Amino acid sequence: MARTAADTTDTTQPQAQSQGRIRRENVERILKAAERVFAEAGFAGATMADIAERAGLPKANLHYYFGTKDDLYRAVLDNILQMWLAPIGSFTPDADPAATLTAYVTAKMEASRTRPHASKVFANEILHGGTQVERFLAEDLKALVDAKAAVIDGWVAAGRMAPVDARQFLFMIWAVTQHYADFDTQIRKVLGRRTLTRQDFAAMTAEVLRLVLRAAGLPEPQIADSETPTDSVPSIS
């Protein structure tokens, strides 16, 4: 009996969906494992075998999805940058400065809490010359910072926040929020903590917000611990 087009669709669509799901899951596992291995061992010290072991997948899978270690490293960096740059999109001329800065700082601190290895990978890349992201830094990131600095300058000109050097202001936010990921060992030792808990990060986020908003001459928000977002930072995908 001949199979109709509907019969063919019924069998191929679920199969394609299953294959797509498996691919997404494998890619996410590989990126997550690679992010940690690159953070701990650096690019030179990391091996595809180490990453495969961490991901719980055959080494051949890594080469199937990413080809080489260089390709995988660039994919990890791209994923990190996508995560970091998404929240700054809320900087628009009509946005409320206090609410926008609060959301941005909170998202950056949440990234440091949930994706600390991402920050370490990027910091290591910059410390070693940033060759893999040089063009992005000089072109895409510069253009983005120029655009968002213009928004901040507009807020200042309209009297909606205190005068600041917009670019230095953004650099300061990056430095402070990413410090909690890059130097977590130092922070834990000084605070006498084995780990930094969600409550620790809620307290640290509140303090960073106070400093940022004071620098901008803006009122401090009243944020309860329960309001700290848990889904504002995308997972590795």
Protein backbone atom coordinates (compact mmCIF):
# COMPACT_ATOMS: atom_id res chain seq x y z
CA MET A 1 0.00 0.00 0.00
CA ALA A 2 1.46 3.36 -1.01
CA ARG A 3 2.28 5.86 1.74
CA THR A 4 0.62 9.23 1.44
CA ALA A 5 2.31 12.57 2.02
CA ALA A 6 0.50 12.81 5.35
CA ASP A 7 1.90 9.45 6.40
CA THR A 8 5.41 10.59 5.53
CA THR A 9 4.99 13.86 7.42
CA ASP A 10 3.68 12.05 10.49
CA THR A 11 6.86 9.96 10.72
CA THR A 12 9.47 12.47 9.66
CA GLN A 13 8.36 15.48 11.70
CA PRO A 14 8.61 13.80 15.12
CA GLN A 15 11.97 12.35 14.11
CA ALA A 16 13.27 15.75 13.01
CA GLN A 17 11.97 17.36 16.20
CA SER A 18 13.68 14.70 18.28
CA GLN A 19 16.94 15.15 16.42
CA GLY A 20 16.71 18.91 16.85
CA ARG A 21 16.10 18.55 20.58
CA ILE A 22 19.03 16.17 20.97
CA ARG A 23 21.27 18.55 19.05
CA ARG A 24 20.27 21.52 21.22
CA GLU A 25 20.81 19.52 24.41
CA ASN A 26 24.21 18.27 23.28
CA VAL A 27 25.35 21.71 22.19
CA GLU A 28 24.26 23.18 25.52
CA ARG A 29 26.08 20.46 27.44
CA ILE A 30 29.23 20.99 25.43
CA LEU A 31 29.17 24.78 25.79
CA LYS A 32 28.54 24.52 29.53
CA ALA A 33 31.39 22.05 29.98
CA ALA A 34 33.72 24.07 27.75
CA GLU A 35 32.96 27.27 29.62
CA ARG A 36 34.09 25.64 32.87
CA VAL A 37 37.16 23.91 31.44
CA PHE A 38 38.35 27.05 29.62
CA ALA A 39 37.83 29.04 32.84
CA GLU A 40 39.83 26.59 34.94
CA ALA A 41 42.59 25.63 32.50
CA GLY A 42 42.71 28.53 30.06
CA PHE A 43 42.60 28.05 26.31
CA ALA A 44 46.11 26.58 26.09
CA GLY A 45 45.57 24.13 28.94
CA ALA A 46 42.10 22.96 27.93
CA THR A 47 41.74 19.87 25.76
CA MET A 48 38.81 18.51 23.82
CA ALA A 49 39.16 15.31 25.82
CA ASP A 50 38.77 17.23 29.10
CA ILE A 51 35.71 19.04 27.78
CA ALA A 52 34.16 15.82 26.48
CA GLU A 53 34.68 14.17 29.86
CA ARG A 54 33.10 17.13 31.64
CA ALA A 55 30.15 17.08 29.23
CA GLY A 56 29.72 13.31 29.52
CA LEU A 57 29.85 12.91 25.76
CA PRO A 58 32.21 11.16 23.34
CA LYS A 59 35.04 13.36 22.09
CA ALA A 60 33.78 12.73 18.55
CA ASN A 61 30.59 14.62 19.41
CA LEU A 62 32.57 17.77 20.15
CA HIS A 63 34.29 17.62 16.78
CA TYR A 64 30.97 16.87 15.08
CA TYR A 65 29.29 19.98 16.49
CA PHE A 66 32.23 22.40 16.65
CA GLY A 67 35.07 21.03 14.54
CA THR A 68 38.15 22.21 16.44
CA LYS A 69 39.02 23.55 19.86
CA ASP A 70 39.37 27.02 18.34
CA ASP A 71 35.84 26.78 16.91
CA LEU A 72 34.47 25.68 20.28
CA TYR A 73 36.34 28.45 22.11
CA ARG A 74 34.91 31.09 19.77
CA ALA A 75 31.43 29.63 20.27
CA VAL A 76 31.86 29.89 24.05
CA LEU A 77 32.97 33.53 23.75
CA ASP A 78 30.05 34.33 21.43
CA ASN A 79 27.63 32.77 23.91
CA ILE A 80 29.09 34.79 26.79
CA LEU A 81 28.86 38.04 24.85
CA GLN A 82 25.25 37.39 23.87
CA MET A 83 24.39 36.86 27.53
CA TRP A 84 26.14 40.03 28.67
CA LEU A 85 24.95 42.35 25.92
CA ALA A 86 21.26 41.48 25.99
CA PRO A 87 20.40 43.48 29.17
CA ILE A 88 21.99 46.71 27.93
CA GLY A 89 19.37 46.87 25.19
CA SER A 90 17.04 48.41 27.79
CA PHE A 91 19.09 51.64 27.69
CA THR A 92 16.80 53.81 25.56
CA PRO A 93 16.18 57.58 25.62
CA ASP A 94 12.64 57.25 26.99
CA ALA A 95 13.51 54.67 29.68
CA ASP A 96 13.59 55.59 33.35
CA PRO A 97 17.27 55.87 34.39
CA ALA A 98 16.82 54.47 37.90
CA ALA A 99 14.74 51.49 36.77
CA THR A 100 17.06 50.82 33.82
CA LEU A 101 20.24 50.92 35.90
CA THR A 102 18.63 48.80 38.60
CA ALA A 103 17.63 46.13 36.10
CA TYR A 104 21.04 46.22 34.40
CA VAL A 105 23.10 45.94 37.59
CA THR A 106 20.81 43.21 38.90
CA ALA A 107 21.17 41.23 35.67
CA LYS A 108 24.95 41.62 35.71
CA MET A 109 25.16 40.46 39.32
CA GLU A 110 22.89 37.52 38.54
CA ALA A 111 25.23 36.57 35.71
CA SER A 112 28.14 36.61 38.15
CA ARG A 113 26.18 34.36 40.48
CA THR A 114 24.93 31.82 37.96
CA ARG A 115 27.65 31.95 35.27
CA PRO A 116 30.92 32.79 37.10
CA HIS A 117 33.01 30.70 34.71
CA ALA A 118 31.77 32.79 31.80
CA SER A 119 33.27 35.91 33.33
CA LYS A 120 36.56 34.11 34.00
CA VAL A 121 36.80 32.89 30.41
CA PHE A 122 36.32 36.40 29.07
CA ALA A 123 38.73 37.92 31.60
CA ASN A 124 41.39 35.37 30.63
CA GLU A 125 40.85 36.17 26.97
CA ILE A 126 41.33 39.90 27.57
CA LEU A 127 44.39 39.33 29.79
CA HIS A 128 45.97 37.35 26.97
CA GLY A 129 45.47 40.11 24.44
CA GLY A 130 41.89 39.53 23.35
CA THR A 131 42.94 38.24 19.94
CA GLN A 132 39.78 36.17 19.49
CA VAL A 133 37.49 39.14 20.19
CA GLU A 134 39.69 42.00 18.95
CA ARG A 135 37.47 42.89 16.01
CA PHE A 136 34.33 42.64 18.13
CA LEU A 137 35.81 44.94 20.79
CA ALA A 138 37.04 47.51 18.27
CA GLU A 139 33.90 47.55 16.14
CA ASP A 140 30.70 46.03 17.56
CA LEU A 141 31.31 46.72 21.24
CA LYS A 142 32.63 50.22 20.57
CA ALA A 143 29.54 51.03 18.53
CA LEU A 144 27.27 49.65 21.24
CA VAL A 145 29.03 51.56 24.02
CA ASP A 146 28.96 54.74 21.95
CA ALA A 147 25.20 54.34 21.47
CA LYS A 148 24.44 53.62 25.12
CA ALA A 149 26.78 56.37 26.29
CA ALA A 150 24.77 58.76 24.12
CA VAL A 151 21.61 57.60 25.91
CA ILE A 152 23.20 58.28 29.31
CA ASP A 153 24.42 61.67 28.09
CA GLY A 154 20.85 62.40 27.04
CA TRP A 155 19.54 61.52 30.49
CA VAL A 156 22.16 63.85 32.01
CA ALA A 157 21.35 66.69 29.60
CA ALA A 158 17.64 66.36 30.46
CA GLY A 159 18.41 66.57 34.19
CA ARG A 160 17.22 63.01 34.77
CA MET A 161 20.47 61.93 36.44
CA ALA A 162 23.67 63.47 37.74
CA PRO A 163 26.53 64.24 35.35
CA VAL A 164 28.86 61.30 34.74
CA ASP A 165 31.40 60.28 32.14
CA ALA A 166 29.08 57.77 30.46
CA ARG A 167 31.76 55.39 29.21
CA GLN A 168 33.64 55.36 32.50
CA PHE A 169 30.33 54.84 34.27
CA LEU A 170 29.65 51.71 32.21
CA PHE A 171 33.22 50.47 32.74
CA MET A 172 32.74 50.91 36.49
CA ILE A 173 29.54 48.86 36.45
CA TRP A 174 31.25 46.10 34.49
CA ALA A 175 34.24 46.08 36.82
CA VAL A 176 32.22 45.97 40.01
CA THR A 177 29.65 43.39 38.96
CA GLN A 178 32.14 41.03 37.28
CA HIS A 179 34.47 41.24 40.27
CA TYR A 180 32.11 38.92 42.15
CA ALA A 181 32.71 36.22 39.54
CA ASP A 182 36.37 36.82 38.67
CA PHE A 183 37.52 37.15 42.29
CA ASP A 184 35.01 34.94 44.06
CA THR A 185 37.80 33.05 45.85
CA GLN A 186 39.14 36.28 47.34
CA ILE A 187 35.66 37.39 48.37
CA ARG A 188 34.87 34.05 50.02
CA LYS A 189 38.13 34.04 51.95
CA VAL A 190 37.70 37.61 53.18
CA LEU A 191 34.07 37.01 54.17
CA GLY A 192 34.83 33.62 55.71
CA ARG A 193 32.43 31.77 53.40
CA ARG A 194 32.81 28.35 51.84
CA THR A 195 30.35 29.40 49.16
CA LEU A 196 28.51 32.58 48.25
CA THR A 197 24.80 31.96 48.72
CA ARG A 198 21.82 33.50 47.00
CA GLN A 199 21.35 35.61 50.14
CA ASP A 200 24.97 36.80 49.94
CA PHE A 201 24.42 37.88 46.35
CA ALA A 202 21.17 39.62 47.24
CA ALA A 203 23.02 41.68 49.86
CA MET A 204 25.94 42.40 47.53
CA THR A 205 23.59 43.36 44.71
CA ALA A 206 21.77 45.79 46.98
CA GLU A 207 25.06 47.42 47.97
CA VAL A 208 26.30 47.69 44.37
CA LEU A 209 22.97 49.23 43.40
CA ARG A 210 23.27 51.80 46.18
CA LEU A 211 26.74 52.81 44.95
CA VAL A 212 25.73 53.01 41.28
CA LEU A 213 22.53 54.93 41.88
CA ARG A 214 24.22 57.33 44.29
CA ALA A 215 26.88 58.03 41.66
CA ALA A 216 24.07 58.82 39.23
CA GLY A 217 22.23 60.98 41.77
CA LEU A 218 19.22 58.69 41.63
CA PRO A 219 16.97 57.37 44.42
CA GLU A 220 17.80 53.95 45.79
CA PRO A 221 15.23 51.23 45.07
CA GLN A 222 13.57 49.16 47.74
CA ILE A 223 14.24 45.61 46.57
CA ALA A 224 13.26 42.56 48.58
CA ASP A 225 15.36 39.40 48.32
CA SER A 226 12.47 37.64 46.61
CA GLU A 227 12.61 40.20 43.81
CA THR A 228 16.11 39.18 42.75
CA PRO A 229 15.56 37.65 39.30
CA THR A 230 16.38 33.98 38.83
CA ASP A 231 15.66 33.72 35.11
CA SER A 232 17.16 36.97 33.85
CA VAL A 233 20.38 35.29 32.76
CA PRO A 234 19.92 32.89 29.86
CA SER A 235 21.32 29.41 30.10
CA ILE A 236 24.02 28.30 27.74
CA SER A 237 22.48 27.52 24.38
